[in-house]
Amino acid sequence: MASAINRRQFIKACAVLTLGFTTPISFAHGHRDPRMVVLILRGGMDGLAAVPAYGDPAYRSGRGKLALGTPDTVDGVIDLDGFFGLNPVFENLAQMYAGREALLFQAIAPPYAKRSHFYAQDVLETGLTNPAGSASGWLYRALQGLSEGRDPDKYGYSLGAGIPRIVQGALPVGAWAPDRLPDPDEDTLQRLMALYEQDSYLGPKVRAGFNADEMINAMGGKLRGGNNLTTVAKAAARFLTRDDGPRVAVMDSGGWDTHAWQGTTKGRLANRFRELDTVLAGLKQDMGSVWDQTAVVIITEFGRTVAVNGTSGTDHGVGGAAFLLGGAVNGGRVHSDWPGLAKEKLYEGRDLKPTLDMRALFAGVLHQHMGLDRGFIEEQVFPGYRDQVSGLIRAG
C-alpha cells in the first residue's frame, strides 16, 4: 500500500486526470458560464451556533450557556429577519446576506439520522440513503452531464490533500494539493485524548500534554488548519477564473466536531467561524468578476444537540444549517420550515428536527445554476429523488 506521502505526491502530480463521462446535457441558460464550489465542513457544524433561532421561545432554555443573546447584548446576534440571527463573528457573511448574496438554510440534513460521522458523510457525499462501498459521489455523477463544449477531464477539480467521496467514481477527477500539510486541528487532538482516556498510565499524561483549553488559547490559529483552507480556496479561485479552467471545485475542512469547550462568540467554534468567514471573503475577492456567476454550497454531515453537554460542548445531532452564497445567488433570506425547539418538537427529544432534505438544495443548484437537466438529476444524480428547492438563483 502506498504511503500517505506518496498518495499526496501523486495527487499533486496529477493536475489533470481523466474523468469518465456519459452523454452530456446542455446548459439551460444560453451563454452563461456558471461556477460551483462545494465546501464540506467535516465533523458536524453546530448550525444553531451559526444561525441561532433566537426568536424561538424555547431557544434560550434549550441552549443554556451556549445561547446567544439579543442583538444589544455582548453575546448578541446579527439579526436577519427578527427570528433567525447570525453568529456575530460572521462579519463578511453578514455583508453578503445584506447584499442578497447569501441564502441560509436551517433544519436541513442529509437523509440520515443515526449520528455516525462516517455513515453520515457517506450519505452526504453519495446522495444515496443506503450507500454501498463502491457507490460514486453525487457530484461525480453530475459532472457526467455538465461537459458540453468543454474538455470533460478538466471540468471538475478536487482541491486539498485528499479526494472527497463526493467526486469519486470509476475514474479520478482533476486534483491539486498544497505543498504543506495542515497543522493538526482541535478535532484531532480531542480524538487523541479519547483514544487514551481509559489508559490509567498514558491517559493522564495525554490529557496534561494536550489540554485543549490551554493549547487552543496558547496556539491560536496554528492548530486549526485555517491557513490550509485559505490556501486551497485561493487555488480554487485561480482555477475557476481561468478561461480554460474547471467550473466545479470541491474543498473540505476538518475540525468541526465540538464535543468540548465550544464557546459562543469566543472559543473553539467561534475561531472556526471566524476563519471560515475570512476564507469566504477572500474567495469572493479572488473570484473577481466571475463571482457574479458563482454559487458556493457549504454543508456538513449533521447538526448537533440543542442542549450543552457536560464538557461545555455539544454532541452529534441531526438537523443543522447550510449556506449558499455567491453573486449568482438569490439571497438575503433564511430558508426554513422551522420545527421548533420545544422539547416535544425535537427529534428523539434532543436534536433539531430536519424538515428539508439536503439533496433538494443540491438538485436546485445543479438545475437552476449549473443548467443540468432535471430528468438527468432525478435519474442519474439522485436516483428516485425528485424534489428541489426553487428560487435559489437570481433571475437573468
Protein backbone atom coordinates (compact mmCIF):
# COMPACT_ATOMS: atom_id res chain seq x y z
CA MET A 1 0.00 0.00 0.00
CA ALA A 2 1.35 3.44 -0.93
CA SER A 3 2.28 5.74 1.94
CA ALA A 4 0.25 8.86 2.69
CA ILE A 5 3.12 10.98 1.43
CA ASN A 6 3.22 9.08 -1.84
CA ARG A 7 -0.51 9.50 -2.27
CA ARG A 8 -0.26 13.23 -1.72
CA GLN A 9 2.63 13.48 -4.16
CA PHE A 10 0.59 11.53 -6.66
CA ILE A 11 -2.35 13.90 -6.20
CA LYS A 12 -0.12 16.91 -6.73
CA ALA A 13 1.47 15.38 -9.81
CA CYS A 14 -1.91 14.67 -11.35
CA ALA A 15 -3.01 18.23 -12.01
CA VAL A 16 -5.48 16.89 -14.56
CA LEU A 17 -6.70 13.32 -14.55
CA THR A 18 -9.22 11.61 -16.73
CA LEU A 19 -12.90 11.56 -15.73
CA GLY A 20 -15.37 9.24 -17.46
CA PHE A 21 -18.47 10.92 -18.89
CA THR A 22 -21.75 9.86 -20.40
CA THR A 23 -23.71 11.88 -22.94
CA PRO A 24 -23.53 15.50 -21.78
CA ILE A 25 -26.56 17.63 -21.00
CA SER A 26 -26.56 21.14 -22.41
CA PHE A 27 -26.76 24.29 -20.29
CA ALA A 28 -30.26 25.63 -19.81
CA HIS A 29 -29.17 29.27 -19.62
CA GLY A 30 -27.66 30.01 -23.00
CA HIS A 31 -24.32 31.81 -22.82
CA ARG A 32 -23.94 31.73 -19.06
CA ASP A 33 -20.70 30.24 -17.77
CA PRO A 34 -21.55 29.29 -14.17
CA ARG A 35 -19.11 28.15 -11.48
CA MET A 36 -19.91 25.96 -8.49
CA VAL A 37 -17.88 25.44 -5.32
CA VAL A 38 -18.74 22.81 -2.71
CA LEU A 39 -17.17 23.13 0.74
CA ILE A 40 -17.71 20.28 3.21
CA LEU A 41 -17.29 21.09 6.91
CA ARG A 42 -16.38 17.73 8.42
CA GLY A 43 -17.25 16.85 11.98
CA GLY A 44 -20.76 18.24 12.25
CA MET A 45 -21.01 22.03 12.41
CA ASP A 46 -23.34 23.36 15.10
CA GLY A 47 -25.99 25.03 12.98
CA LEU A 48 -27.71 26.63 15.96
CA ALA A 49 -24.44 28.35 16.84
CA ALA A 50 -24.02 29.62 13.28
CA VAL A 51 -27.64 30.61 12.60
CA PRO A 52 -29.34 30.84 16.01
CA ALA A 53 -33.14 30.80 16.09
CA TYR A 54 -33.10 33.35 18.89
CA GLY A 55 -36.76 34.19 18.27
CA ASP A 56 -37.91 30.70 19.24
CA PRO A 57 -39.43 30.81 22.77
CA ALA A 58 -37.51 27.66 23.73
CA TYR A 59 -34.16 28.79 22.32
CA ARG A 60 -32.53 30.22 25.45
CA SER A 61 -33.69 27.48 27.80
CA GLY A 62 -32.76 24.78 25.30
CA ARG A 63 -29.26 26.08 24.55
CA GLY A 64 -28.41 27.11 28.10
CA LYS A 65 -24.99 28.72 28.38
CA LEU A 66 -24.41 28.30 24.64
CA ALA A 67 -27.35 30.59 23.82
CA LEU A 68 -26.56 33.84 22.07
CA GLY A 69 -28.38 36.87 23.44
CA THR A 70 -30.48 39.62 21.98
CA PRO A 71 -28.77 41.96 19.49
CA ASP A 72 -27.90 44.55 22.18
CA THR A 73 -26.01 42.14 24.47
CA VAL A 74 -22.33 41.25 24.46
CA ASP A 75 -23.00 37.77 23.12
CA GLY A 76 -25.63 39.07 20.74
CA VAL A 77 -26.62 38.02 17.25
CA ILE A 78 -26.66 39.77 13.93
CA ASP A 79 -30.39 39.95 13.29
CA LEU A 80 -31.51 38.54 9.96
CA ASP A 81 -35.28 38.54 9.97
CA GLY A 82 -36.45 39.05 13.55
CA PHE A 83 -36.40 35.32 14.27
CA PHE A 84 -33.12 33.97 12.93
CA GLY A 85 -29.79 35.59 13.54
CA LEU A 86 -26.17 35.09 12.56
CA ASN A 87 -23.27 34.50 14.90
CA PRO A 88 -21.60 37.94 15.17
CA VAL A 89 -18.18 36.64 14.15
CA PHE A 90 -19.59 36.19 10.61
CA GLU A 91 -18.98 39.80 9.65
CA ASN A 92 -18.29 39.13 5.97
CA LEU A 93 -21.10 36.62 5.60
CA ALA A 94 -23.45 39.20 7.13
CA GLN A 95 -22.42 41.68 4.45
CA MET A 96 -23.12 39.10 1.75
CA TYR A 97 -26.52 38.43 3.32
CA ALA A 98 -27.29 42.17 3.35
CA GLY A 99 -26.21 42.32 -0.30
CA ARG A 100 -28.57 39.42 -1.12
CA GLU A 101 -25.61 37.18 -1.97
CA ALA A 102 -26.13 34.66 0.84
CA LEU A 103 -29.03 32.27 1.40
CA LEU A 104 -29.05 30.44 4.72
CA PHE A 105 -30.77 27.14 5.48
CA GLN A 106 -31.94 25.87 8.86
CA ALA A 107 -33.33 22.48 9.91
CA ILE A 108 -31.64 20.81 6.93
CA ALA A 109 -29.85 17.45 6.85
CA PRO A 110 -28.88 14.58 4.56
CA PRO A 111 -31.34 11.66 4.61
CA TYR A 112 -29.68 10.05 7.62
CA ALA A 113 -30.39 10.38 11.35
CA LYS A 114 -28.11 7.95 13.23
CA ARG A 115 -25.35 10.44 14.11
CA SER A 116 -22.32 8.49 12.85
CA HIS A 117 -19.69 10.71 11.22
CA PHE A 118 -18.61 8.13 8.69
CA TYR A 119 -22.02 6.93 7.59
CA ALA A 120 -23.44 10.46 7.59
CA GLN A 121 -20.62 11.65 5.37
CA ASP A 122 -21.18 8.70 3.04
CA VAL A 123 -24.85 9.64 2.69
CA LEU A 124 -23.97 13.32 2.27
CA GLU A 125 -21.43 12.64 -0.46
CA THR A 126 -23.09 9.81 -2.39
CA GLY A 127 -26.57 11.29 -2.22
CA LEU A 128 -27.89 7.78 -1.53
CA THR A 129 -29.82 6.71 1.57
CA ASN A 130 -28.02 3.37 1.60
CA PRO A 131 -24.59 3.96 0.05
CA ALA A 132 -22.68 0.86 -0.96
CA GLY A 133 -18.93 0.73 -0.55
CA SER A 134 -18.36 1.27 -4.25
CA ALA A 135 -21.01 3.97 -4.78
CA SER A 136 -19.84 7.04 -6.67
CA GLY A 137 -20.31 10.56 -5.37
CA TRP A 138 -23.33 12.59 -6.43
CA LEU A 139 -21.18 15.39 -7.80
CA TYR A 140 -19.13 12.89 -9.79
CA ARG A 141 -22.36 11.68 -11.38
CA ALA A 142 -23.48 15.26 -12.00
CA LEU A 143 -20.21 16.04 -13.77
CA GLN A 144 -21.11 13.41 -16.33
CA GLY A 145 -23.84 15.73 -17.58
CA LEU A 146 -22.05 19.07 -17.38
CA SER A 147 -19.37 18.94 -20.06
CA GLU A 148 -20.92 20.03 -23.35
CA GLY A 149 -18.46 22.23 -25.23
CA ARG A 150 -15.76 21.57 -22.63
CA ASP A 151 -12.83 19.26 -22.18
CA PRO A 152 -14.51 16.87 -19.71
CA ASP A 153 -11.36 15.80 -17.90
CA LYS A 154 -10.81 19.42 -16.80
CA TYR A 155 -14.34 20.34 -15.75
CA GLY A 156 -14.27 19.29 -12.08
CA TYR A 157 -11.42 19.62 -9.58
CA SER A 158 -10.80 18.41 -6.06
CA LEU A 159 -8.58 20.77 -4.09
CA GLY A 160 -6.83 19.67 -0.91
CA ALA A 161 -4.83 16.77 0.46
CA GLY A 162 -7.36 14.08 -0.49
CA ILE A 163 -10.15 13.26 -2.96
CA PRO A 164 -13.55 13.51 -1.22
CA ARG A 165 -16.02 10.76 -1.94
CA ILE A 166 -18.43 13.33 -3.41
CA VAL A 167 -16.28 13.35 -6.59
CA GLN A 168 -15.05 9.78 -6.51
CA GLY A 169 -16.13 7.40 -9.24
CA ALA A 170 -14.82 4.95 -11.79
CA LEU A 171 -12.02 7.34 -12.77
CA PRO A 172 -10.44 10.22 -10.82
CA VAL A 173 -11.20 13.90 -11.34
CA GLY A 174 -8.64 16.65 -11.68
CA ALA A 175 -6.78 17.31 -8.42
CA TRP A 176 -4.49 19.79 -6.75
CA ALA A 177 -2.93 19.74 -3.28
CA PRO A 178 -0.88 22.33 -1.38
CA ASP A 179 2.81 21.81 -0.68
CA ARG A 180 2.37 21.87 3.07
CA LEU A 181 0.04 19.67 5.08
CA PRO A 182 -2.33 21.42 7.51
CA ASP A 183 -1.45 21.63 11.17
CA PRO A 184 -3.47 19.31 13.44
CA ASP A 185 -6.85 20.75 14.41
CA GLU A 186 -8.79 20.59 17.67
CA ASP A 187 -10.83 17.61 16.49
CA THR A 188 -7.64 15.58 16.01
CA LEU A 189 -6.46 16.48 19.49
CA GLN A 190 -9.82 15.53 21.01
CA ARG A 191 -9.73 12.16 19.28
CA LEU A 192 -6.20 11.52 20.57
CA MET A 193 -7.34 12.24 24.11
CA ALA A 194 -10.38 9.98 23.70
CA LEU A 195 -8.17 7.17 22.39
CA TYR A 196 -6.13 7.12 25.61
CA GLU A 197 -8.93 8.02 28.01
CA GLN A 198 -9.16 4.52 29.51
CA ASP A 199 -5.41 4.04 29.85
CA SER A 200 -4.58 4.63 33.52
CA TYR A 201 -0.95 5.42 32.76
CA LEU A 202 -0.98 7.24 29.42
CA GLY A 203 -4.40 8.85 29.78
CA PRO A 204 -3.43 11.47 32.38
CA LYS A 205 -0.20 12.22 30.53
CA VAL A 206 -2.01 12.76 27.23
CA ARG A 207 -4.58 14.97 28.91
CA ALA A 208 -1.86 17.00 30.55
CA GLY A 209 0.12 17.35 27.34
CA PHE A 210 -2.84 18.11 25.11
CA ASN A 211 -5.09 20.12 27.38
CA ALA A 212 -7.37 21.51 24.71
CA ASP A 213 -8.37 24.67 26.51
CA GLU A 214 -4.81 25.78 27.24
CA MET A 215 -3.41 24.72 23.88
CA ILE A 216 -6.12 26.47 21.88
CA ASN A 217 -5.57 29.70 23.79
CA ALA A 218 -1.79 29.42 23.54
CA MET A 219 -1.51 28.31 19.93
CA GLY A 220 -4.32 30.36 18.41
CA GLY A 221 -4.77 29.64 14.71
CA LYS A 222 -1.80 27.29 14.45
CA LEU A 223 -3.86 24.24 15.41
CA ARG A 224 -6.92 24.84 13.36
CA GLY A 225 -5.88 24.24 9.78
CA GLY A 226 -7.39 27.56 8.66
CA ASN A 227 -4.28 28.56 6.75
CA ASN A 228 -4.58 25.39 4.72
CA LEU A 229 -8.21 26.18 3.82
CA THR A 230 -7.16 29.70 2.84
CA THR A 231 -4.50 28.28 0.53
CA VAL A 232 -6.91 25.80 -1.02
CA ALA A 233 -9.61 28.46 -1.53
CA LYS A 234 -7.15 30.76 -3.25
CA ALA A 235 -6.14 27.90 -5.53
CA ALA A 236 -9.80 27.22 -6.30
CA ALA A 237 -10.26 30.83 -7.37
CA ARG A 238 -7.19 30.67 -9.60
CA PHE A 239 -8.51 27.56 -11.34
CA LEU A 240 -12.12 28.70 -11.63
CA THR A 241 -11.33 32.14 -13.05
CA ARG A 242 -9.23 30.79 -15.91
CA ASP A 243 -10.98 30.73 -19.27
CA ASP A 244 -9.82 27.15 -19.79
CA GLY A 245 -10.12 26.13 -16.15
CA PRO A 246 -12.63 23.92 -14.34
CA ARG A 247 -16.11 25.11 -13.49
CA VAL A 248 -16.69 22.93 -10.42
CA ALA A 249 -14.41 22.79 -7.37
CA VAL A 250 -14.64 20.74 -4.16
CA MET A 251 -12.89 21.51 -0.87
CA ASP A 252 -13.27 20.29 2.70
CA SER A 253 -12.40 21.50 6.17
CA GLY A 254 -11.99 19.37 9.30
CA GLY A 255 -12.24 20.14 12.99
CA TRP A 256 -15.97 20.89 13.36
CA ASP A 257 -16.67 18.20 15.99
CA THR A 258 -17.15 20.40 19.07
CA HIS A 259 -17.75 17.98 21.92
CA ALA A 260 -15.95 20.18 24.44
CA TRP A 261 -15.24 23.85 25.20
CA GLN A 262 -17.33 25.01 22.27
CA GLY A 263 -17.93 28.62 23.32
CA THR A 264 -20.30 31.19 21.82
CA THR A 265 -18.68 34.30 20.32
CA LYS A 266 -15.28 33.26 21.68
CA GLY A 267 -13.62 29.87 21.89
CA ARG A 268 -13.17 26.87 19.61
CA LEU A 269 -16.19 27.20 17.40
CA ALA A 270 -16.08 30.98 17.12
CA ASN A 271 -12.48 30.66 15.94
CA ARG A 272 -13.58 28.19 13.27
CA PHE A 273 -16.41 30.51 12.20
CA ARG A 274 -14.05 33.47 12.02
CA GLU A 275 -11.62 31.54 9.83
CA LEU A 276 -14.41 30.39 7.55
CA ASP A 277 -15.73 33.94 7.30
CA THR A 278 -12.29 35.22 6.29
CA VAL A 279 -11.89 32.46 3.71
CA LEU A 280 -15.27 33.27 2.15
CA ALA A 281 -14.45 36.96 1.92
CA GLY A 282 -11.14 36.08 0.28
CA LEU A 283 -12.83 33.74 -2.17
CA LYS A 284 -15.25 36.47 -3.23
CA GLN A 285 -12.41 38.91 -3.76
CA ASP A 286 -10.25 36.41 -5.65
CA MET A 287 -13.09 35.37 -7.94
CA GLY A 288 -13.38 38.95 -9.22
CA SER A 289 -15.98 39.46 -11.92
CA VAL A 290 -16.59 35.69 -12.07
CA TRP A 291 -18.21 35.95 -8.62
CA ASP A 292 -21.42 37.06 -10.36
CA GLN A 293 -21.64 33.60 -11.94
CA THR A 294 -20.63 31.65 -8.84
CA ALA A 295 -22.58 29.61 -6.28
CA VAL A 296 -20.80 28.29 -3.19
CA VAL A 297 -22.52 25.45 -1.29
CA ILE A 298 -21.32 24.98 2.31
CA ILE A 299 -22.52 21.80 4.01
CA THR A 300 -21.85 19.48 6.93
CA GLU A 301 -22.86 15.90 7.68
CA PHE A 302 -25.20 16.68 10.58
CA GLY A 303 -26.04 19.28 13.21
CA ARG A 304 -25.52 19.00 16.95
CA THR A 305 -27.59 18.58 20.07
CA VAL A 306 -29.68 21.53 21.14
CA ALA A 307 -28.53 21.24 24.76
CA VAL A 308 -25.00 21.72 26.03
CA ASN A 309 -23.24 18.58 27.29
CA GLY A 310 -21.17 18.05 30.43
CA THR A 311 -17.96 19.34 28.88
CA SER A 312 -19.36 22.66 27.65
CA GLY A 313 -19.80 21.37 24.12
CA THR A 314 -22.44 19.66 22.02
CA ASP A 315 -22.81 16.10 20.79
CA HIS A 316 -23.74 14.65 17.41
CA GLY A 317 -27.21 15.69 16.30
CA VAL A 318 -29.37 15.59 13.20
CA GLY A 319 -30.85 18.84 11.85
CA GLY A 320 -28.42 21.64 11.11
CA ALA A 321 -27.60 24.57 8.87
CA ALA A 322 -26.17 25.07 5.38
CA PHE A 323 -25.08 28.11 3.39
CA LEU A 324 -25.46 29.02 -0.27
CA LEU A 325 -23.66 32.16 -1.33
CA GLY A 326 -22.29 33.87 -4.40
CA GLY A 327 -23.06 36.62 -6.85
CA ALA A 328 -25.48 34.33 -8.69
CA VAL A 329 -27.48 33.51 -5.54
CA ASN A 330 -30.94 34.87 -4.80
CA GLY A 331 -30.04 35.57 -1.19
CA GLY A 332 -30.88 37.84 1.70
CA ARG A 333 -33.17 35.34 3.45
CA VAL A 334 -33.28 32.25 5.62
CA HIS A 335 -34.98 29.23 4.07
CA SER A 336 -36.55 27.07 6.77
CA ASP A 337 -39.69 25.14 7.60
CA TRP A 338 -38.91 25.67 11.26
CA PRO A 339 -39.95 22.75 13.51
CA GLY A 340 -39.41 24.48 16.85
CA LEU A 341 -37.10 23.89 19.80
CA ALA A 342 -39.63 22.92 22.46
CA LYS A 343 -38.70 19.55 23.96
CA GLU A 344 -41.67 17.74 22.43
CA LYS A 345 -40.75 19.07 18.96
CA LEU A 346 -37.16 17.85 18.96
CA TYR A 347 -36.01 14.76 17.12
CA GLU A 348 -35.84 12.00 19.74
CA GLY A 349 -36.15 14.69 22.39
CA ARG A 350 -32.63 16.06 21.82
CA ASP A 351 -31.95 17.28 18.26
CA LEU A 352 -33.28 19.88 15.88
CA LYS A 353 -35.74 18.01 13.67
CA PRO A 354 -34.77 18.20 9.98
CA THR A 355 -37.53 19.42 7.68
CA LEU A 356 -35.52 19.73 4.45
CA ASP A 357 -33.56 17.00 2.68
CA MET A 358 -30.17 18.40 1.68
CA ARG A 359 -30.49 16.75 -1.72
CA ALA A 360 -33.19 19.31 -2.55
CA LEU A 361 -30.58 22.05 -2.17
CA PHE A 362 -28.04 20.18 -4.30
CA ALA A 363 -30.59 19.42 -7.01
CA GLY A 364 -31.75 23.02 -7.10
CA VAL A 365 -28.21 24.38 -7.57
CA LEU A 366 -27.39 21.80 -10.23
CA HIS A 367 -30.54 22.57 -12.21
CA GLN A 368 -31.11 26.30 -11.67
CA HIS A 369 -27.48 27.43 -11.61
CA MET A 370 -25.41 24.85 -13.48
CA GLY A 371 -28.15 24.17 -16.03
CA LEU A 372 -28.22 20.40 -15.60
CA ASP A 373 -31.32 18.75 -16.99
CA ARG A 374 -33.82 17.94 -14.25
CA GLY A 375 -34.53 14.50 -15.64
CA PHE A 376 -30.82 13.69 -15.57
CA ILE A 377 -30.64 14.79 -11.94
CA GLU A 378 -33.61 12.64 -10.94
CA GLU A 379 -32.45 9.56 -12.85
CA GLN A 380 -28.65 9.70 -12.56
CA VAL A 381 -27.54 12.07 -9.81
CA PHE A 382 -30.15 11.33 -7.13
CA PRO A 383 -31.97 8.25 -8.44
CA GLY A 384 -35.59 8.24 -7.37
CA TYR A 385 -35.43 11.60 -5.59
CA ARG A 386 -37.47 14.34 -7.27
CA ASP A 387 -37.53 17.40 -5.01
CA GLN A 388 -35.56 20.60 -5.30
CA VAL A 389 -35.64 23.99 -3.60
CA SER A 390 -36.87 26.64 -6.03
CA GLY A 391 -35.77 30.26 -6.33
CA LEU A 392 -32.12 29.68 -5.41
CA ILE A 393 -30.58 31.68 -8.25
CA ARG A 394 -31.13 35.26 -9.36
CA ALA A 395 -33.31 35.66 -12.42
CA GLY A 396 -31.45 36.61 -15.59
